[in-house]
Amino acid sequence: MKAIIEVGGHQYAVSEGEKIYVDLLDAEKDQKVTFDKVLFVDGKVGAPYVDGASVEAVVVKNGKGKKIKVFKYNPKKKYRKTQGHRQPYTCVEVKKING
């Protein structure tokens, strides 16, 4: 069974048993999470969401992504600035798709 869900403004195509990385959720490890914003479930298309459909998942881990460097400068002005950023994420495993 396949579904398309919306989490944190992003859309993900998921199936049962699949692990996905989403933006940081307010949930601890091994906690159950339910996603109610389901856009598509095996041929059922909602406007915008499918009524009564949900996706149940379990949090696998919370973490931070790889560091990216942000470098800004203005030529001929002696302005240079370096920043680093690590995007926090939550890894969830899809257990069941209700549709």
Protein backbone atom coordinates (compact mmCIF):
# COMPACT_ATOMS: atom_id res chain seq x y z
CA MET A 1 0.00 0.00 0.00
CA LYS A 2 1.34 3.42 -0.95
CA ALA A 3 0.43 6.89 0.22
CA ILE A 4 1.52 10.51 -0.12
CA ILE A 5 1.64 12.46 3.15
CA GLU A 6 2.36 16.05 4.06
CA VAL A 7 4.69 16.70 7.00
CA GLY A 8 6.04 20.12 7.86
CA GLY A 9 5.12 21.59 4.48
CA HIS A 10 6.87 18.82 2.51
CA GLN A 11 5.25 15.90 0.69
CA TYR A 12 6.58 12.35 0.99
CA ALA A 13 5.63 9.21 -0.95
CA VAL A 14 5.66 6.35 1.58
CA SER A 15 4.89 2.66 1.81
CA GLU A 16 4.66 0.31 4.78
CA GLY A 17 7.99 -0.59 6.36
CA GLU A 18 9.84 2.36 4.79
CA LYS A 19 12.05 4.78 6.75
CA ILE A 20 11.87 8.48 5.89
CA TYR A 21 13.69 11.55 7.18
CA VAL A 22 11.42 14.51 7.98
CA ASP A 23 11.95 17.87 9.67
CA LEU A 24 12.33 17.66 13.44
CA LEU A 25 9.16 16.50 15.21
CA ASP A 26 8.34 16.97 18.88
CA ALA A 27 8.55 13.23 19.64
CA GLU A 28 10.96 10.95 21.48
CA LYS A 29 12.56 7.73 20.23
CA ASP A 30 10.15 4.73 19.97
CA GLN A 31 7.12 7.04 20.25
CA LYS A 32 4.17 6.50 17.91
CA VAL A 33 3.27 9.33 15.52
CA THR A 34 0.14 9.66 13.38
CA PHE A 35 0.07 11.72 10.19
CA ASP A 36 -3.45 12.87 9.26
CA LYS A 37 -2.61 14.98 6.22
CA VAL A 38 -2.82 12.26 3.56
CA LEU A 39 -3.07 13.44 -0.04
CA PHE A 40 -3.24 10.06 -1.81
CA VAL A 41 -3.91 6.43 -0.80
CA ASP A 42 -3.91 3.68 -3.47
CA GLY A 43 -5.98 5.52 -6.05
CA LYS A 44 -8.02 7.66 -3.65
CA VAL A 45 -7.26 11.32 -4.23
CA GLY A 46 -8.50 13.92 -1.78
CA ALA A 47 -9.37 17.56 -2.20
CA PRO A 48 -6.91 18.40 -0.66
CA TYR A 49 -6.78 15.55 1.90
CA VAL A 50 -8.35 12.06 1.87
CA ASP A 51 -11.12 11.80 4.48
CA GLY A 52 -10.51 9.24 7.23
CA ALA A 53 -7.02 8.32 6.01
CA SER A 54 -3.98 8.32 8.27
CA VAL A 55 -0.46 6.96 8.42
CA GLU A 56 0.96 5.47 11.63
CA ALA A 57 4.70 5.60 12.21
CA VAL A 58 7.29 5.09 14.95
CA VAL A 59 10.18 7.46 15.63
CA VAL A 60 13.50 5.71 15.01
CA LYS A 61 15.84 8.55 15.95
CA ASN A 62 16.32 12.30 16.16
CA GLY A 63 19.53 13.83 14.88
CA LYS A 64 21.30 16.50 12.88
CA GLY A 65 22.35 16.39 9.23
CA LYS A 66 25.78 17.07 7.79
CA LYS A 67 27.24 20.52 8.33
CA ILE A 68 26.97 22.95 5.46
CA LYS A 69 29.09 26.09 5.31
CA VAL A 70 27.62 29.46 4.40
CA PHE A 71 30.21 31.96 3.19
CA LYS A 72 29.31 35.57 2.43
CA TYR A 73 31.59 38.30 1.18
CA ASN A 74 31.54 41.66 -0.52
CA PRO A 75 34.39 42.28 -2.91
CA LYS A 76 36.61 45.31 -2.21
CA LYS A 77 34.92 45.95 1.16
CA LYS A 78 36.88 43.62 3.50
CA TYR A 79 33.64 41.86 4.47
CA ARG A 80 33.85 38.12 4.97
CA LYS A 81 31.54 35.99 7.09
CA THR A 82 31.47 32.21 7.53
CA GLN A 83 28.65 30.32 9.20
CA GLY A 84 27.87 26.66 9.66
CA HIS A 85 24.47 25.00 9.85
CA ARG A 86 23.24 21.51 10.72
CA GLN A 87 19.58 20.83 9.94
CA PRO A 88 17.79 18.81 12.66
CA TYR A 89 15.73 15.83 11.48
CA THR A 90 13.58 12.95 12.69
CA CYS A 91 13.79 9.49 11.16
CA VAL A 92 10.43 7.68 11.23
CA GLU A 93 9.47 4.17 10.12
CA VAL A 94 6.01 3.78 8.57
CA LYS A 95 4.13 0.93 10.24
CA LYS A 96 0.59 1.11 8.89
CA ILE A 97 -1.38 3.01 6.25
CA ASN A 98 -5.07 3.40 7.05
CA GLY A 99 -7.14 4.40 4.09
